[in-house]
């Protein structure tokens, strides 16, 4: 999954990883969180016809849209 390629916990626990590498990993994590947040908010804004077009029920959209941004 996409999050697996961006969030790599070993970078934070590895004492040999440089500061720059750790900062880049943290920044990438924040970027992914922001994108997930944005997509979930957009999903909540879709009307029933749009949800039907993409094959998602209103209930599923609400469940996904209300998840915290840090949860996959």
PDB file of N, CA and C in Angstrom:
ATOM      1  N   UNK A   1       0.836  -1.183   0.000  1.00  0.00           N
ATOM      2  CA  UNK A   1       0.000   0.000   0.000  1.00  0.00           C
ATOM      3  C   UNK A   1       0.879   1.244   0.000  1.00  0.00           C
ATOM      4  N   UNK A   2       0.333   2.345  -0.430  1.00  0.00           N
ATOM      5  CA  UNK A   2       1.062   3.600  -0.536  1.00  0.00           C
ATOM      6  C   UNK A   2       1.654   4.048   0.795  1.00  0.00           C
ATOM      7  N   UNK A   3       0.875   3.932   1.859  1.00  0.00           N
ATOM      8  CA  UNK A   3       1.366   4.379   3.164  1.00  0.00           C
ATOM      9  C   UNK A   3       2.592   3.593   3.603  1.00  0.00           C
ATOM     10  N   UNK A   4       2.670   2.334   3.210  1.00  0.00           N
ATOM     11  CA  UNK A   4       3.824   1.518   3.578  1.00  0.00           C
ATOM     12  C   UNK A   4       5.106   2.037   2.954  1.00  0.00           C
ATOM     13  N   UNK A   5       5.002   2.614   1.777  1.00  0.00           N
ATOM     14  CA  UNK A   5       6.205   3.111   1.106  1.00  0.00           C
ATOM     15  C   UNK A   5       6.623   4.470   1.633  1.00  0.00           C
ATOM     16  N   UNK A   6       5.684   5.222   2.190  1.00  0.00           N
ATOM     17  CA  UNK A   6       6.006   6.557   2.695  1.00  0.00           C
ATOM     18  C   UNK A   6       6.401   6.514   4.162  1.00  0.00           C
ATOM     19  N   UNK A   7       5.649   5.788   4.959  1.00  0.00           N
ATOM     20  CA  UNK A   7       5.933   5.714   6.389  1.00  0.00           C
ATOM     21  C   UNK A   7       6.800   4.497   6.658  1.00  0.00           C
ATOM     22  N   UNK A   8       8.017   4.738   7.027  1.00  0.00           N
ATOM     23  CA  UNK A   8       8.950   3.649   7.306  1.00  0.00           C
ATOM     24  C   UNK A   8       9.451   3.809   8.739  1.00  0.00           C
ATOM     25  N   UNK A   9       8.838   3.083   9.674  1.00  0.00           N
ATOM     26  CA  UNK A   9       9.184   3.223  11.091  1.00  0.00           C
ATOM     27  C   UNK A   9      10.657   2.988  11.378  1.00  0.00           C
ATOM     28  N   UNK A  10      11.308   2.158  10.572  1.00  0.00           N
ATOM     29  CA  UNK A  10      12.723   1.871  10.840  1.00  0.00           C
ATOM     30  C   UNK A  10      13.589   3.127  10.739  1.00  0.00           C
ATOM     31  N   UNK A  11      13.140   4.128  10.004  1.00  0.00           N
ATOM     32  CA  UNK A  11      13.917   5.364   9.906  1.00  0.00           C
ATOM     33  C   UNK A  11      13.940   6.115  11.236  1.00  0.00           C
ATOM     34  N   UNK A  12      12.890   5.965  12.021  1.00  0.00           N
ATOM     35  CA  UNK A  12      12.825   6.674  13.292  1.00  0.00           C
ATOM     36  C   UNK A  12      13.529   5.916  14.411  1.00  0.00           C
ATOM     37  N   UNK A  13      13.586   4.612  14.294  1.00  0.00           N
ATOM     38  CA  UNK A  13      14.202   3.823  15.354  1.00  0.00           C
ATOM     39  C   UNK A  13      15.669   3.508  15.069  1.00  0.00           C
ATOM     40  N   UNK A  14      16.119   3.774  13.867  1.00  0.00           N
ATOM     41  CA  UNK A  14      17.496   3.479  13.487  1.00  0.00           C
ATOM     42  C   UNK A  14      18.403   4.640  13.884  1.00  0.00           C
ATOM     43  N   UNK A  15      19.300   4.433  14.852  1.00  0.00           N
ATOM     44  CA  UNK A  15      20.172   5.532  15.289  1.00  0.00           C
ATOM     45  C   UNK A  15      21.156   5.962  14.206  1.00  0.00           C
ATOM     46  N   UNK A  16      21.362   5.126  13.193  1.00  0.00           N
ATOM     47  CA  UNK A  16      22.303   5.466  12.134  1.00  0.00           C
ATOM     48  C   UNK A  16      21.668   6.325  11.042  1.00  0.00           C
ATOM     49  N   UNK A  17      20.351   6.396  11.033  1.00  0.00           N
ATOM     50  CA  UNK A  17      19.681   7.239  10.043  1.00  0.00           C
ATOM     51  C   UNK A  17      19.996   8.693  10.361  1.00  0.00           C
ATOM     52  N   UNK A  18      20.356   9.431   9.348  1.00  0.00           N
ATOM     53  CA  UNK A  18      20.720  10.830   9.547  1.00  0.00           C
ATOM     54  C   UNK A  18      19.519  11.691   9.873  1.00  0.00           C
ATOM     55  N   UNK A  19      19.808  12.850  10.415  1.00  0.00           N
ATOM     56  CA  UNK A  19      18.752  13.794  10.772  1.00  0.00           C
ATOM     57  C   UNK A  19      17.938  14.170   9.536  1.00  0.00           C
ATOM     58  N   UNK A  20      18.620  14.400   8.427  1.00  0.00           N
ATOM     59  CA  UNK A  20      17.916  14.779   7.205  1.00  0.00           C
ATOM     60  C   UNK A  20      16.942  13.677   6.775  1.00  0.00           C
ATOM     61  N   UNK A  21      17.374  12.442   6.844  1.00  0.00           N
ATOM     62  CA  UNK A  21      16.517  11.312   6.475  1.00  0.00           C
ATOM     63  C   UNK A  21      15.297  11.244   7.384  1.00  0.00           C
ATOM     64  N   UNK A  22      15.510  11.436   8.670  1.00  0.00           N
ATOM     65  CA  UNK A  22      14.390  11.402   9.619  1.00  0.00           C
ATOM     66  C   UNK A  22      13.421  12.551   9.376  1.00  0.00           C
ATOM     67  N   UNK A  23      13.955  13.735   9.099  1.00  0.00           N
ATOM     68  CA  UNK A  23      13.087  14.882   8.826  1.00  0.00           C
ATOM     69  C   UNK A  23      12.294  14.679   7.540  1.00  0.00           C
ATOM     70  N   UNK A  24      12.934  14.124   6.524  1.00  0.00           N
ATOM     71  CA  UNK A  24      12.220  13.845   5.275  1.00  0.00           C
ATOM     72  C   UNK A  24      11.107  12.826   5.504  1.00  0.00           C
ATOM     73  N   UNK A  25      11.390  11.811   6.286  1.00  0.00           N
ATOM     74  CA  UNK A  25      10.376  10.795   6.587  1.00  0.00           C
ATOM     75  C   UNK A  25       9.206  11.420   7.347  1.00  0.00           C
ATOM     76  N   UNK A  26       9.505  12.287   8.304  1.00  0.00           N
ATOM     77  CA  UNK A  26       8.446  12.948   9.072  1.00  0.00           C
ATOM     78  C   UNK A  26       7.618  13.863   8.171  1.00  0.00           C
ATOM     79  N   UNK A  27       8.281  14.603   7.298  1.00  0.00           N
ATOM     80  CA  UNK A  27       7.571  15.485   6.375  1.00  0.00           C
ATOM     81  C   UNK A  27       6.693  14.678   5.422  1.00  0.00           C
ATOM     82  N   UNK A  28       7.203  13.565   4.935  1.00  0.00           N
ATOM     83  CA  UNK A  28       6.399  12.705   4.064  1.00  0.00           C
ATOM     84  C   UNK A  28       5.172  12.178   4.792  1.00  0.00           C
ATOM     85  N   UNK A  29       5.337  11.834   6.053  1.00  0.00           N
ATOM     86  CA  UNK A  29       4.201  11.337   6.837  1.00  0.00           C
ATOM     87  C   UNK A  29       3.134  12.425   6.970  1.00  0.00           C
ATOM     88  N   UNK A  30       3.548  13.645   7.244  1.00  0.00           N
ATOM     89  CA  UNK A  30       2.598  14.756   7.364  1.00  0.00           C
ATOM     90  C   UNK A  30       1.894  14.992   6.031  1.00  0.00           C
ATOM     91  N   UNK A  31       2.632  14.907   4.936  1.00  0.00           N
ATOM     92  CA  UNK A  31       2.017  15.084   3.609  1.00  0.00           C
ATOM     93  C   UNK A  31       0.963  14.023   3.338  1.00  0.00           C
ATOM     94  N   UNK A  32       1.264  12.794   3.676  1.00  0.00           N
ATOM     95  CA  UNK A  32       0.301  11.707   3.472  1.00  0.00           C
ATOM     96  C   UNK A  32      -0.924  11.929   4.346  1.00  0.00           C
ATOM     97  N   UNK A  33      -0.710  12.289   5.604  1.00  0.00           N
ATOM     98  CA  UNK A  33      -1.840  12.549   6.497  1.00  0.00           C
ATOM     99  C   UNK A  33      -2.730  13.656   5.938  1.00  0.00           C
ATOM    100  N   UNK A  34      -2.113  14.704   5.424  1.00  0.00           N
ATOM    101  CA  UNK A  34      -2.886  15.814   4.863  1.00  0.00           C
ATOM    102  C   UNK A  34      -3.699  15.344   3.658  1.00  0.00           C
ATOM    103  N   UNK A  35      -3.097  14.544   2.805  1.00  0.00           N
ATOM    104  CA  UNK A  35      -3.808  14.036   1.628  1.00  0.00           C
ATOM    105  C   UNK A  35      -4.962  13.123   2.035  1.00  0.00           C
ATOM    106  N   UNK A  36      -4.748  12.270   3.009  1.00  0.00           N
ATOM    107  CA  UNK A  36      -5.821  11.393   3.496  1.00  0.00           C
ATOM    108  C   UNK A  36      -6.956  12.238   4.073  1.00  0.00           C
ATOM    109  N   UNK A  37      -6.612  13.246   4.860  1.00  0.00           N
ATOM    110  CA  UNK A  37      -7.615  14.147   5.434  1.00  0.00           C
ATOM    111  C   UNK A  37      -8.426  14.816   4.326  1.00  0.00           C
ATOM    112  N   UNK A  38      -7.728  15.337   3.314  1.00  0.00           N
ATOM    113  CA  UNK A  38      -8.379  16.041   2.214  1.00  0.00           C
ATOM    114  C   UNK A  38      -9.322  15.107   1.450  1.00  0.00           C
ATOM    115  N   UNK A  39      -8.867  13.907   1.163  1.00  0.00           N
ATOM    116  CA  UNK A  39      -9.693  12.957   0.418  1.00  0.00           C
ATOM    117  C   UNK A  39     -10.918  12.523   1.213  1.00  0.00           C
ATOM    118  N   UNK A  40     -10.757  12.336   2.494  1.00  0.00           N
ATOM    119  CA  UNK A  40     -11.902  11.924   3.320  1.00  0.00           C
ATOM    120  C   UNK A  40     -12.929  13.040   3.429  1.00  0.00           C
ATOM    121  N   UNK A  41     -12.479  14.275   3.532  1.00  0.00           N
ATOM    122  CA  UNK A  41     -13.412  15.402   3.583  1.00  0.00           C
ATOM    123  C   UNK A  41     -14.140  15.539   2.245  1.00  0.00           C
ATOM    124  N   UNK A  42     -13.430  15.329   1.155  1.00  0.00           N
ATOM    125  CA  UNK A  42     -14.050  15.379  -0.168  1.00  0.00           C
ATOM    126  C   UNK A  42     -15.107  14.292  -0.294  1.00  0.00           C
ATOM    127  N   UNK A  43     -14.800  13.107   0.183  1.00  0.00           N
ATOM    128  CA  UNK A  43     -15.745  11.992   0.137  1.00  0.00           C
ATOM    129  C   UNK A  43     -17.030  12.346   0.876  1.00  0.00           C
ATOM    130  N   UNK A  44     -16.902  13.004   2.014  1.00  0.00           N
ATOM    131  CA  UNK A  44     -18.091  13.397   2.779  1.00  0.00           C
ATOM    132  C   UNK A  44     -18.940  14.414   2.025  1.00  0.00           C
ATOM    133  N   UNK A  45     -18.322  15.162   1.122  1.00  0.00           N
ATOM    134  CA  UNK A  45     -19.042  16.190   0.376  1.00  0.00           C
ATOM    135  C   UNK A  45     -19.736  15.700  -0.885  1.00  0.00           C
ATOM    136  N   UNK A  46     -19.526  14.446  -1.254  1.00  0.00           N
ATOM    137  CA  UNK A  46     -20.148  13.919  -2.470  1.00  0.00           C
ATOM    138  C   UNK A  46     -21.628  13.644  -2.241  1.00  0.00           C
ATOM    139  N   UNK A  47     -22.426  13.917  -3.274  1.00  0.00           N
ATOM    140  CA  UNK A  47     -23.854  13.605  -3.152  1.00  0.00           C
ATOM    141  C   UNK A  47     -24.089  12.131  -3.491  1.00  0.00           C
ATOM    142  N   UNK A  48     -25.321  11.688  -3.292  1.00  0.00           N
ATOM    143  CA  UNK A  48     -25.638  10.266  -3.476  1.00  0.00           C
ATOM    144  C   UNK A  48     -25.378   9.787  -4.904  1.00  0.00           C
ATOM    145  N   UNK A  49     -25.643  10.629  -5.891  1.00  0.00           N
ATOM    146  CA  UNK A  49     -25.410  10.242  -7.288  1.00  0.00           C
ATOM    147  C   UNK A  49     -23.921  10.025  -7.552  1.00  0.00           C
ATOM    148  N   UNK A  50     -23.099  10.906  -7.015  1.00  0.00           N
ATOM    149  CA  UNK A  50     -21.647  10.760  -7.195  1.00  0.00           C
ATOM    150  C   UNK A  50     -21.138   9.507  -6.492  1.00  0.00           C
ATOM    151  N   UNK A  51     -21.638   9.263  -5.298  1.00  0.00           N
ATOM    152  CA  UNK A  51     -21.233   8.056  -4.574  1.00  0.00           C
ATOM    153  C   UNK A  51     -21.641   6.801  -5.343  1.00  0.00           C
ATOM    154  N   UNK A  52     -22.833   6.828  -5.916  1.00  0.00           N
ATOM    155  CA  UNK A  52     -23.292   5.680  -6.701  1.00  0.00           C
ATOM    156  C   UNK A  52     -22.372   5.465  -7.905  1.00  0.00           C
ATOM    157  N   UNK A  53     -21.942   6.554  -8.535  1.00  0.00           N
ATOM    158  CA  UNK A  53     -21.044   6.461  -9.692  1.00  0.00           C
ATOM    159  C   UNK A  53     -19.736   5.753  -9.352  1.00  0.00           C
ATOM    160  N   UNK A  54     -19.250   5.956  -8.146  1.00  0.00           N
ATOM    161  CA  UNK A  54     -17.975   5.331  -7.767  1.00  0.00           C
ATOM    162  C   UNK A  54     -18.178   4.041  -6.971  1.00  0.00           C
ATOM    163  N   UNK A  55     -19.438   3.644  -6.798  1.00  0.00           N
ATOM    164  CA  UNK A  55     -19.730   2.366  -6.149  1.00  0.00           C
ATOM    165  C   UNK A  55     -19.559   2.367  -4.643  1.00  0.00           C
ATOM    166  N   UNK A  56     -19.851   3.504  -4.024  1.00  0.00           N
ATOM    167  CA  UNK A  56     -19.713   3.625  -2.569  1.00  0.00           C
ATOM    168  C   UNK A  56     -21.063   4.023  -1.986  1.00  0.00           C
ATOM    169  N   UNK A  57     -21.478   3.340  -0.939  1.00  0.00           N
ATOM    170  CA  UNK A  57     -22.743   3.697  -0.293  1.00  0.00           C
ATOM    171  C   UNK A  57     -22.525   4.896   0.628  1.00  0.00           C
ATOM    172  N   UNK A  58     -23.619   5.544   0.980  1.00  0.00           N
ATOM    173  CA  UNK A  58     -23.542   6.688   1.897  1.00  0.00           C
ATOM    174  C   UNK A  58     -22.979   6.239   3.244  1.00  0.00           C
ATOM    175  N   UNK A  59     -23.392   5.069   3.703  1.00  0.00           N
ATOM    176  CA  UNK A  59     -22.909   4.544   4.988  1.00  0.00           C
ATOM    177  C   UNK A  59     -21.398   4.331   4.940  1.00  0.00           C
ATOM    178  N   UNK A  60     -20.915   3.714   3.858  1.00  0.00           N
ATOM    179  CA  UNK A  60     -19.470   3.494   3.715  1.00  0.00           C
ATOM    180  C   UNK A  60     -18.713   4.817   3.645  1.00  0.00           C
ATOM    181  N   UNK A  61     -19.276   5.780   2.926  1.00  0.00           N
ATOM    182  CA  UNK A  61     -18.632   7.093   2.808  1.00  0.00           C
ATOM    183  C   UNK A  61     -18.546   7.773   4.174  1.00  0.00           C
ATOM    184  N   UNK A  62     -19.609   7.670   4.952  1.00  0.00           N
ATOM    185  CA  UNK A  62     -19.601   8.275   6.287  1.00  0.00           C
ATOM    186  C   UNK A  62     -18.588   7.589   7.199  1.00  0.00           C
ATOM    187  N   UNK A  63     -18.531   6.259   7.125  1.00  0.00           N
ATOM    188  CA  UNK A  63     -17.569   5.535   7.964  1.00  0.00           C
ATOM    189  C   UNK A  63     -16.140   5.924   7.602  1.00  0.00           C
ATOM    190  N   UNK A  64     -15.847   5.978   6.320  1.00  0.00           N
ATOM    191  CA  UNK A  64     -14.493   6.331   5.885  1.00  0.00           C
ATOM    192  C   UNK A  64     -14.192   7.801   6.174  1.00  0.00           C
ATOM    193  N   UNK A  65     -15.158   8.651   5.910  1.00  0.00           N
ATOM    194  CA  UNK A  65     -14.951  10.089   6.074  1.00  0.00           C
ATOM    195  C   UNK A  65     -14.759  10.531   7.508  1.00  0.00           C
ATOM    196  N   UNK A  66     -15.271   9.774   8.448  1.00  0.00           N
ATOM    197  CA  UNK A  66     -15.157  10.157   9.858  1.00  0.00           C
ATOM    198  C   UNK A  66     -13.949   9.549  10.561  1.00  0.00           C
ATOM    199  N   UNK A  67     -13.183   8.749   9.834  1.00  0.00           N
ATOM    200  CA  UNK A  67     -11.966   8.184  10.432  1.00  0.00           C
ATOM    201  C   UNK A  67     -10.946   9.297  10.656  1.00  0.00           C
ATOM    202  N   UNK A  68     -10.164   9.196  11.705  1.00  0.00           N
ATOM    203  CA  UNK A  68      -9.067  10.151  11.888  1.00  0.00           C
ATOM    204  C   UNK A  68      -8.049   9.998  10.754  1.00  0.00           C
ATOM    205  N   UNK A  69      -7.384  11.072  10.409  1.00  0.00           N
ATOM    206  CA  UNK A  69      -6.468  11.064   9.266  1.00  0.00           C
ATOM    207  C   UNK A  69      -5.308  10.095   9.435  1.00  0.00           C
ATOM    208  N   UNK A  70      -4.963   9.747  10.655  1.00  0.00           N
ATOM    209  CA  UNK A  70      -3.810   8.870  10.859  1.00  0.00           C
ATOM    210  C   UNK A  70      -4.167   7.390  10.747  1.00  0.00           C
ATOM    211  N   UNK A  71      -5.452   7.068  10.636  1.00  0.00           N
ATOM    212  CA  UNK A  71      -5.865   5.667  10.504  1.00  0.00           C
ATOM    213  C   UNK A  71      -5.996   5.287   9.043  1.00  0.00           C
ATOM    214  N   UNK A  72      -5.440   4.128   8.676  1.00  0.00           N
ATOM    215  CA  UNK A  72      -5.586   3.681   7.273  1.00  0.00           C
ATOM    216  C   UNK A  72      -6.994   3.226   6.969  1.00  0.00           C
TER     217      UNK A  72
END
